Amino acid sequence: MAITTTLQTDLKTADIEIEDEYTGPLELTREQALAMFEAEVQKQLGISGEEFIRRLDAGEYDDIYDDPNHPIDIVDLEMLSHVAR
């Protein structure tokens, strides 16, 4: 049995099917990956993916980049940002 979830952002909506059992890596289309990135940035920071990338490139997150005690995992968001570049 699979679970279907919808990722929705201001720009995109992507339906992703998640299997109950691990069957290997989840393959996403570029649109689905971008929607996932946008949704995660919106959830964690309340800003768009484009604004996050601008701030990241400007060095605004340098002080918290590797801080394990910070509530926002900038490293994870930075890794996801590659789908939007």
Protein backbone atom coordinates (compact mmCIF):
# COMPACT_ATOMS: atom_id res chain seq x y z
CA MET A 1 0.00 0.00 0.00
CA ALA A 2 1.28 3.47 -0.82
CA ILE A 3 0.57 6.81 0.74
CA THR A 4 0.19 9.80 -1.55
CA THR A 5 1.00 13.20 -0.17
CA THR A 6 0.76 16.58 -1.80
CA LEU A 7 3.50 19.16 -1.41
CA GLN A 8 2.11 22.60 -2.02
CA THR A 9 3.99 25.86 -2.26
CA ASP A 10 3.11 29.26 -3.65
CA LEU A 11 4.55 28.20 -7.00
CA LYS A 12 4.06 24.46 -7.39
CA THR A 13 2.04 21.48 -6.21
CA ALA A 14 3.63 18.05 -6.40
CA ASP A 15 2.08 14.68 -5.59
CA ILE A 16 4.58 12.21 -4.19
CA GLU A 17 3.76 8.60 -3.50
CA ILE A 18 5.48 7.11 -0.46
CA GLU A 19 5.66 3.33 -0.07
CA ASP A 20 5.04 1.71 3.33
CA GLU A 21 8.24 -0.32 3.01
CA TYR A 22 11.59 0.95 1.84
CA THR A 23 12.04 0.02 -1.81
CA GLY A 24 15.08 2.13 -2.59
CA PRO A 25 15.72 5.80 -3.14
CA LEU A 26 12.76 8.04 -3.83
CA GLU A 27 13.02 9.42 -7.35
CA LEU A 28 11.50 12.85 -7.85
CA THR A 29 10.98 14.91 -10.95
CA ARG A 30 12.66 18.31 -10.97
CA GLU A 31 9.26 19.89 -10.30
CA GLN A 32 8.61 17.61 -7.32
CA ALA A 33 12.09 18.27 -5.90
CA LEU A 34 11.63 22.02 -6.31
CA ALA A 35 8.24 21.85 -4.59
CA MET A 36 9.79 19.87 -1.74
CA PHE A 37 12.57 22.46 -1.37
CA GLU A 38 10.12 25.37 -1.43
CA ALA A 39 7.83 23.67 1.11
CA GLU A 40 10.69 22.90 3.50
CA VAL A 41 12.13 26.43 3.35
CA GLN A 42 8.66 27.89 3.87
CA LYS A 43 8.04 25.56 6.82
CA GLN A 44 11.36 26.22 8.54
CA LEU A 45 11.99 29.88 7.70
CA GLY A 46 8.72 31.31 6.39
CA ILE A 47 10.39 32.65 3.24
CA SER A 48 10.61 31.59 -0.40
CA GLY A 49 13.31 29.32 -1.72
CA GLU A 50 14.60 32.17 -3.87
CA GLU A 51 14.98 34.41 -0.80
CA PHE A 52 16.71 31.60 1.11
CA ILE A 53 19.25 31.15 -1.70
CA ARG A 54 19.87 34.90 -1.83
CA ARG A 55 20.49 35.01 1.93
CA LEU A 56 22.62 31.86 1.85
CA ASP A 57 24.81 33.26 -0.93
CA ALA A 58 25.12 36.57 0.95
CA GLY A 59 26.50 34.72 3.99
CA GLU A 60 23.57 35.52 6.29
CA TYR A 61 23.54 31.96 7.67
CA ASP A 62 27.29 31.57 8.15
CA ASP A 63 27.05 31.92 11.96
CA ILE A 64 24.52 29.11 12.31
CA TYR A 65 25.56 26.89 9.39
CA ASP A 66 27.13 24.13 11.50
CA ASP A 67 25.46 24.85 14.85
CA PRO A 68 23.84 21.55 15.95
CA ASN A 69 21.86 23.40 18.65
CA HIS A 70 20.18 25.77 16.20
CA PRO A 71 16.54 24.80 15.56
CA ILE A 72 16.84 25.29 11.78
CA ASP A 73 19.06 22.86 9.90
CA ILE A 74 20.63 25.19 7.35
CA VAL A 75 22.83 22.37 6.02
CA ASP A 76 19.78 20.33 5.00
CA LEU A 77 18.15 23.33 3.35
CA GLU A 78 21.39 24.17 1.56
CA MET A 79 21.62 20.62 0.19
CA LEU A 80 18.03 20.82 -1.05
CA SER A 81 18.69 24.22 -2.66
CA HIS A 82 20.64 22.66 -5.51
CA VAL A 83 17.39 21.75 -7.25
CA ALA A 84 16.52 25.45 -7.48
CA ARG A 85 19.83 26.63 -8.91
